Amino acid sequence: MPPVPRAPFAALLLALPLVACTSRDVSIAPEPETVAPRRADARPEAAQLGGAEVSIPRPSSGVLPPGAADRVLAVGAPPLVVLLEAGAAPRGDLSYGLSKGSSQPMAMAMNMAVGVKAKGQSMPSMPMPRMTMTFDTLTADKSGAGEFRIESRLTGTAVEPNGGQQEQMARALRPQIDAMKGLAMNYWVDPKGHVHDVKLDMPPSVPPAAQQLMNGMSQSFESMVTPLPQEAVGVGARWQVVSRLATGGADILQAAVYTLKSRSGARAMLDVTLLQLAASDTIHTPQMPAGMSAKVKSFSSTGKGATQLDLKSVAPESGTLALTTAMEISVQGAGSDETSLVETTTTVAVSRP
């Protein structure tokens, strides 16, 4: 799992899947009201308003038993999208409607603080330098089936320390982050936000270890595009998206609930709440020395955020996400058996440069 202090790339991979609506243009066409009038305190039938949430086990440890995650969503399967509330009238279609040739720069800034408890000692939560990445995102093509090909390229990076202690960390981080410039990400997305055929083109300057972590970005960028409900929705609509993420060596089952908070002309506001569970207690990472293994003993990860959409652009006007994660890891090998508790708080902000 990403929250490891010595792996800033992995921390970035944690943040990326949780930023909603990064490359989209949503069109909402009103439809006639189909739900009968009701009292303010009455609850309509589920068939009219939506359905029940996907049932997900919630073990106290946050680590699912073997096979439990597969019964919810198999590895590699597309996300599950369930409408929970249809929202107020007028309701309409909520679909991606990008225009070929449209482009928009997007900046993503991440602030992270990490605390570690190990061997009876505690390292207080330590803020890391602010890391910013700027992307140029282009809707390059549109297929006959109505799908859009998105091309995104990392054009700029920055590491901004706050104080002398962070300056030392920034000096170590800058060469790694700068080496990512030129990274290209291409994928196809359909009008309901289902992403496929994600391809990464990494510059040769990226170190091999970083390349291993960045390979996980394909799923991360799939998750940046929020799957949308098939049904007509209005303000107040809520839908659940369940996805399976393989990132930073960990297998994560994520449940997100989106709420359409407001619409005004070409702008729409979405809120999101997140819950993550460890789908497996095993961590697989190429950076782990031979003969060593890592197990997740407990895992807790929740977050919430908001996104302000410009419905005529490939990128949102703004967006924020705050994520709090705590993971207890047991590492065995080389004659040792150590358990550490890693706690991270991560805030991601998306804006237009």
Foldseek 3Di string as FASTA:
>chain_A
DQLDVVCVLQVVLVPLLPAAQFFFFKDWDFDDDDDDDDDPPDDDDCVRFWDDDQDADCDPQLADDPPRVVVRPNPPGWKDKTWRGQADPRWGDTWTDADAFFKAKKKKKKKKWKKKDWPNDIDPTHIAWIKMWMKIKGQHDADPQGKTKIKIFTADMDTGDDDDVNVVVRVVCVQQVVQQHGKMWIWIAHTQLQIDDIDIDGDPSHDPQSVQQCVQCSVSNSSRYPGHDPDIHDAQIKMKIWDWGCHPQFIKIKIKIKGFHDDDVQKTKIKMKMWIGGHHQWGDGPVDDPFKTKGWRGKGKIKMKMFIARNHHRGTAKMKMKMKMWIWMWMDGPPDTIIMIMIMIMMMMMHGD
